[in-house]
Amino acid sequence: MSSGRIDPYYEWLGIQPSEQPADFYRLLGIARFEGNIKVIERAADRQMGYIRQFQVKHPSEVSELLSQLSLARITLTDQEKKRLYDGSLKNGHGKSQTDSPVPSPPTKTPNKIWYTQSYGIPLGPFTIEELQARVKAKEVRPDTMVREGPKGRWTLAREVPRLLDLAVSSPPPPETVPQYPNLEPVADQPDLLAGPIPAPEERSPGRDVWVCPKCRWPVPKPKTHCSRCGFVKKVSGSRHTDKYILVMLFLMALAVIAVAIALLIKG
């Protein structure tokens, strides 16, 4: 919890109340329109590291400042965002209050007391109804900086009581809910694995049948997988070996017969 209400922009960064809201360059303590990315990044790191030392005593103020410094860094280190932001400063839309103070609420519309920030540029004033419309349109988000009154303190939108409750959309009316015709249920497909296991074919394994080692189901020999349990039979490469052995035995037998015939002729 913070120990008391302070002006962190003035007491920590030396930004006078008349200069608030300060532009991003003023927050980082660098020259306006600085183009060196390294200078911008180091200035942001320096300011953020300095601000964090007040985290324990002033957590909400530090959170607000860190959000602004982080937004300044993201905007000024992105070429396209920096170009748009610098253009808004040159056109007078993003000047700090030193150059163009935020006007007081006009007397004809006393209810326009709300202000928001977009890339550090103050927008407003808005009535509460206009602010609610921006919340519903998601132009005002939880991390958007808002304040009540031209001299009020900038704070995160999520810290404003009941402001973001407006962003919760209500359910659509009954007539907008699509109505579908009554559809007939799709017939269930039969469960092929349910029911009793069918009896195997009434034949004993023979030369043209092999028995599945998993479910003991006879399978025709040309097939290499069991049609009942899906077991895949490993095809052995011994068939070629058996043929080779038979050929060798046949040749050896021919050689023995030839030798025997030759001995008989000589005798």
Protein backbone atom coordinates (compact mmCIF):
# COMPACT_ATOMS: atom_id res chain seq x y z
CA MET A 1 0.00 0.00 0.00
CA SER A 2 1.25 3.51 -0.74
CA SER A 3 2.11 5.65 2.23
CA GLY A 4 0.38 8.73 0.85
CA ARG A 5 -0.81 10.51 -2.28
CA ILE A 6 2.11 11.98 -4.24
CA ASP A 7 2.77 13.31 -7.73
CA PRO A 8 5.29 10.76 -9.06
CA TYR A 9 5.79 12.63 -12.34
CA TYR A 10 6.92 15.75 -10.45
CA GLU A 11 8.67 14.26 -7.42
CA TRP A 12 10.53 11.47 -9.25
CA LEU A 13 10.97 12.75 -12.82
CA GLY A 14 10.83 16.51 -12.24
CA ILE A 15 7.89 17.02 -14.59
CA GLN A 16 5.91 20.04 -13.39
CA PRO A 17 2.12 19.70 -13.10
CA SER A 18 1.80 22.28 -15.85
CA GLU A 19 3.80 19.95 -18.17
CA GLN A 20 1.54 16.98 -17.54
CA PRO A 21 0.67 14.83 -19.37
CA ALA A 22 4.22 14.83 -20.71
CA ASP A 23 5.07 13.39 -24.10
CA PHE A 24 7.16 10.25 -24.39
CA TYR A 25 10.40 12.12 -24.97
CA ARG A 26 9.89 14.17 -21.80
CA LEU A 27 9.15 10.98 -19.82
CA LEU A 28 12.39 9.41 -21.00
CA GLY A 29 14.38 12.58 -20.42
CA ILE A 30 15.67 12.87 -23.99
CA ALA A 31 15.38 15.48 -26.72
CA ARG A 32 12.14 15.59 -28.65
CA PHE A 33 12.23 13.61 -31.92
CA GLU A 34 15.40 11.76 -30.91
CA GLY A 35 16.08 9.21 -33.66
CA ASN A 36 18.82 7.03 -32.20
CA ILE A 37 17.21 3.74 -31.11
CA LYS A 38 20.03 2.90 -28.68
CA VAL A 39 19.66 6.27 -26.95
CA ILE A 40 15.91 5.69 -26.58
CA GLU A 41 16.32 2.15 -25.23
CA ARG A 42 19.01 3.14 -22.72
CA ALA A 43 16.95 6.10 -21.55
CA ALA A 44 13.94 3.82 -21.00
CA ASP A 45 16.07 1.29 -19.07
CA ARG A 46 17.53 4.09 -16.95
CA GLN A 47 14.15 5.61 -16.09
CA MET A 48 12.51 2.25 -15.36
CA GLY A 49 15.39 1.11 -13.16
CA TYR A 50 15.23 4.37 -11.23
CA ILE A 51 11.45 4.18 -10.75
CA ARG A 52 11.53 0.61 -9.43
CA GLN A 53 13.28 1.69 -6.22
CA PHE A 54 9.96 3.22 -5.06
CA GLN A 55 8.03 -0.05 -5.64
CA VAL A 56 7.65 -1.00 -1.97
CA LYS A 57 6.19 2.27 -0.68
CA HIS A 58 4.27 3.38 -3.78
CA PRO A 59 3.26 0.29 -5.80
CA SER A 60 0.34 1.85 -7.69
CA GLU A 61 2.28 4.96 -8.72
CA VAL A 62 5.24 2.84 -9.83
CA SER A 63 2.94 0.57 -11.84
CA GLU A 64 1.42 3.60 -13.58
CA LEU A 65 4.82 5.08 -14.45
CA LEU A 66 6.27 1.78 -15.62
CA SER A 67 3.29 1.31 -17.93
CA GLN A 68 3.87 4.77 -19.42
CA LEU A 69 7.62 4.22 -19.82
CA SER A 70 7.10 0.81 -21.39
CA LEU A 71 4.58 2.29 -23.84
CA ALA A 72 7.03 5.10 -24.63
CA ARG A 73 9.79 2.60 -25.38
CA ILE A 74 7.59 0.41 -27.59
CA THR A 75 6.29 3.43 -29.55
CA LEU A 76 9.59 5.23 -30.08
CA THR A 77 11.59 2.13 -31.05
CA ASP A 78 9.11 1.09 -33.74
CA GLN A 79 9.68 3.10 -36.92
CA GLU A 80 6.06 3.20 -38.05
CA LYS A 81 4.66 4.00 -34.59
CA LYS A 82 7.35 6.63 -34.02
CA ARG A 83 6.55 8.26 -37.37
CA LEU A 84 2.87 8.54 -36.49
CA TYR A 85 3.62 9.74 -32.97
CA ASP A 86 6.10 12.39 -34.13
CA GLY A 87 3.59 13.52 -36.72
CA SER A 88 0.96 13.99 -34.02
CA LEU A 89 3.42 16.04 -31.97
CA LYS A 90 4.28 18.24 -34.94
CA ASN A 91 0.60 18.77 -35.70
CA GLY A 92 -0.04 19.87 -32.14
CA HIS A 93 -2.17 16.86 -31.09
CA GLY A 94 0.40 15.41 -28.73
CA LYS A 95 1.91 18.48 -27.12
CA SER A 96 2.50 18.48 -23.42
CA GLN A 97 0.57 20.90 -21.28
CA THR A 98 3.54 23.30 -21.47
CA ASP A 99 2.74 23.83 -25.17
CA SER A 100 -0.99 23.21 -25.19
CA PRO A 101 -2.70 22.62 -21.86
CA VAL A 102 -5.73 20.37 -21.76
CA PRO A 103 -8.73 22.70 -21.91
CA SER A 104 -11.14 22.88 -19.03
CA PRO A 105 -14.54 21.34 -19.58
CA PRO A 106 -16.75 23.73 -21.51
CA THR A 107 -19.52 25.31 -19.56
CA LYS A 108 -22.17 24.06 -21.97
CA THR A 109 -21.20 20.44 -21.39
CA PRO A 110 -20.20 20.20 -17.71
CA ASN A 111 -20.46 16.41 -17.76
CA LYS A 112 -17.48 16.03 -20.13
CA ILE A 113 -14.86 15.36 -17.52
CA TRP A 114 -13.17 12.12 -18.64
CA TYR A 115 -9.86 11.91 -20.52
CA THR A 116 -7.97 8.96 -22.02
CA GLN A 117 -4.53 8.46 -23.53
CA SER A 118 -3.62 6.90 -26.87
CA TYR A 119 0.13 6.40 -27.34
CA GLY A 120 0.64 9.07 -24.69
CA ILE A 121 -1.59 11.56 -26.48
CA PRO A 122 -4.42 12.88 -24.25
CA LEU A 123 -7.89 12.54 -25.76
CA GLY A 124 -11.05 14.17 -24.48
CA PRO A 125 -12.96 15.41 -22.74
CA PHE A 126 -15.69 12.76 -22.86
CA THR A 127 -18.95 12.35 -21.07
CA ILE A 128 -19.42 9.20 -19.03
CA GLU A 129 -21.71 7.90 -21.78
CA GLU A 130 -19.02 8.47 -24.41
CA LEU A 131 -16.46 6.72 -22.21
CA GLN A 132 -18.83 3.78 -21.76
CA ALA A 133 -19.22 3.55 -25.54
CA ARG A 134 -15.43 3.44 -25.90
CA VAL A 135 -15.25 0.64 -23.35
CA LYS A 136 -17.89 -1.35 -25.21
CA ALA A 137 -16.02 -0.77 -28.50
CA LYS A 138 -12.82 -2.00 -26.80
CA GLU A 139 -11.10 1.32 -27.50
CA VAL A 140 -10.59 1.61 -23.74
CA ARG A 141 -8.87 -1.48 -22.34
CA PRO A 142 -7.72 -2.46 -18.83
CA ASP A 143 -4.26 -0.96 -19.42
CA THR A 144 -5.55 2.32 -20.91
CA MET A 145 -4.69 5.41 -18.91
CA VAL A 146 -7.76 7.47 -17.91
CA ARG A 147 -8.45 10.33 -15.55
CA GLU A 148 -11.46 12.19 -14.23
CA GLY A 149 -11.22 15.95 -14.69
CA PRO A 150 -8.52 18.03 -16.39
CA LYS A 151 -6.42 18.10 -13.20
CA GLY A 152 -7.13 14.54 -12.09
CA ARG A 153 -4.54 11.83 -11.65
CA TRP A 154 -3.89 9.45 -14.53
CA THR A 155 -4.69 5.87 -13.58
CA LEU A 156 -5.24 2.53 -15.26
CA ALA A 157 -8.78 1.87 -16.48
CA ARG A 158 -8.92 -1.39 -14.52
CA GLU A 159 -8.52 0.60 -11.29
CA VAL A 160 -11.65 2.67 -11.95
CA PRO A 161 -14.54 1.03 -10.06
CA ARG A 162 -17.13 -0.67 -12.30
CA LEU A 163 -15.78 0.93 -15.48
CA LEU A 164 -14.71 -2.27 -17.22
CA ASP A 165 -17.89 -4.10 -16.18
CA LEU A 166 -19.45 -2.40 -19.17
CA ALA A 167 -17.20 -4.36 -21.53
CA VAL A 168 -18.93 -7.63 -20.63
CA SER A 169 -21.37 -8.27 -23.42
CA SER A 170 -24.83 -9.51 -22.55
CA PRO A 171 -26.13 -12.74 -24.11
CA PRO A 172 -27.96 -12.32 -27.41
CA PRO A 173 -31.75 -12.15 -27.28
CA PRO A 174 -33.60 -15.41 -27.91
CA GLU A 175 -34.68 -14.45 -31.41
CA THR A 176 -31.06 -14.04 -32.57
CA VAL A 177 -30.05 -17.55 -31.48
CA PRO A 178 -30.01 -19.73 -34.63
CA GLN A 179 -32.69 -22.39 -34.60
CA TYR A 180 -31.87 -25.75 -36.14
CA PRO A 181 -34.49 -28.21 -37.41
CA ASN A 182 -35.02 -31.41 -35.50
CA LEU A 183 -32.59 -33.94 -36.87
CA GLU A 184 -33.15 -37.67 -36.70
CA PRO A 185 -30.45 -39.51 -34.77
CA VAL A 186 -27.90 -41.33 -36.87
CA ALA A 187 -28.13 -45.09 -36.54
CA ASP A 188 -25.33 -46.52 -34.47
CA GLN A 189 -22.79 -48.56 -36.36
CA PRO A 190 -22.46 -52.18 -35.16
CA ASP A 191 -19.54 -52.83 -32.87
CA LEU A 192 -17.42 -55.37 -34.69
CA LEU A 193 -15.59 -56.32 -31.50
CA ALA A 194 -18.76 -56.93 -29.49
CA GLY A 195 -20.44 -60.29 -29.10
CA PRO A 196 -18.98 -63.80 -28.95
CA ILE A 197 -15.83 -64.67 -30.80
CA PRO A 198 -16.67 -66.63 -33.96
CA ALA A 199 -15.51 -70.22 -34.10
CA PRO A 200 -12.48 -70.94 -36.25
CA GLU A 201 -12.81 -72.76 -39.50
CA GLU A 202 -13.37 -76.46 -38.99
CA ARG A 203 -10.18 -77.65 -40.52
CA SER A 204 -6.87 -78.59 -39.05
CA PRO A 205 -3.73 -76.65 -39.97
CA GLY A 206 -2.02 -78.17 -42.95
CA ARG A 207 0.50 -77.25 -45.55
CA ASP A 208 -1.72 -74.45 -46.89
CA VAL A 209 -2.65 -73.01 -43.44
CA TRP A 210 -0.64 -71.44 -40.61
CA VAL A 211 -1.93 -70.87 -37.07
CA CYS A 212 -1.83 -67.35 -35.60
CA PRO A 213 0.32 -67.52 -32.43
CA LYS A 214 -1.71 -64.74 -30.81
CA CYS A 215 -5.30 -65.93 -31.16
CA ARG A 216 -4.79 -69.48 -32.54
CA TRP A 217 -6.80 -68.68 -35.65
CA PRO A 218 -6.05 -70.66 -38.86
CA VAL A 219 -4.91 -68.36 -41.64
CA PRO A 220 -4.35 -69.27 -45.31
CA LYS A 221 -0.65 -69.46 -46.02
CA PRO A 222 -0.53 -66.81 -48.77
CA LYS A 223 -1.71 -64.23 -46.21
CA THR A 224 0.86 -62.71 -43.87
CA HIS A 225 -1.59 -61.21 -41.33
CA CYS A 226 -4.38 -62.65 -39.19
CA SER A 227 -7.83 -61.43 -40.24
CA ARG A 228 -9.13 -61.87 -36.68
CA CYS A 229 -6.59 -60.10 -34.45
CA GLY A 230 -4.40 -58.35 -37.02
CA PHE A 231 -1.21 -60.21 -36.09
CA VAL A 232 1.41 -59.79 -38.81
CA LYS A 233 3.49 -62.82 -39.60
CA LYS A 234 7.20 -62.26 -40.03
CA VAL A 235 8.29 -63.63 -43.35
CA SER A 236 11.41 -65.69 -42.80
CA GLY A 237 14.26 -65.54 -45.22
CA SER A 238 15.13 -69.21 -44.62
CA ARG A 239 13.23 -70.34 -47.74
CA HIS A 240 16.10 -69.31 -49.98
CA THR A 241 18.55 -70.94 -47.57
CA ASP A 242 16.65 -74.23 -47.76
CA LYS A 243 16.72 -74.17 -51.54
CA TYR A 244 20.45 -73.51 -51.50
CA ILE A 245 21.06 -76.48 -49.18
CA LEU A 246 18.96 -78.77 -51.34
CA VAL A 247 20.89 -77.78 -54.45
CA MET A 248 24.22 -78.39 -52.71
CA LEU A 249 23.11 -81.81 -51.50
CA PHE A 250 21.93 -82.69 -55.01
CA LEU A 251 25.29 -81.70 -56.50
CA MET A 252 27.17 -83.66 -53.86
CA ALA A 253 25.05 -86.71 -54.59
CA LEU A 254 25.81 -86.39 -58.30
CA ALA A 255 29.51 -86.16 -57.51
CA VAL A 256 29.40 -89.33 -55.36
CA ILE A 257 27.54 -91.21 -58.10
CA ALA A 258 30.07 -90.06 -60.69
CA VAL A 259 32.98 -91.24 -58.55
CA ALA A 260 31.32 -94.62 -57.95
CA ILE A 261 30.72 -95.13 -61.69
CA ALA A 262 34.34 -94.24 -62.45
CA LEU A 263 35.61 -96.82 -59.94
CA LEU A 264 33.38 -99.51 -61.38
CA ILE A 265 34.67 -98.85 -64.89
CA LYS A 266 38.29 -99.11 -63.80
CA GLY A 267 37.65 -102.32 -61.89
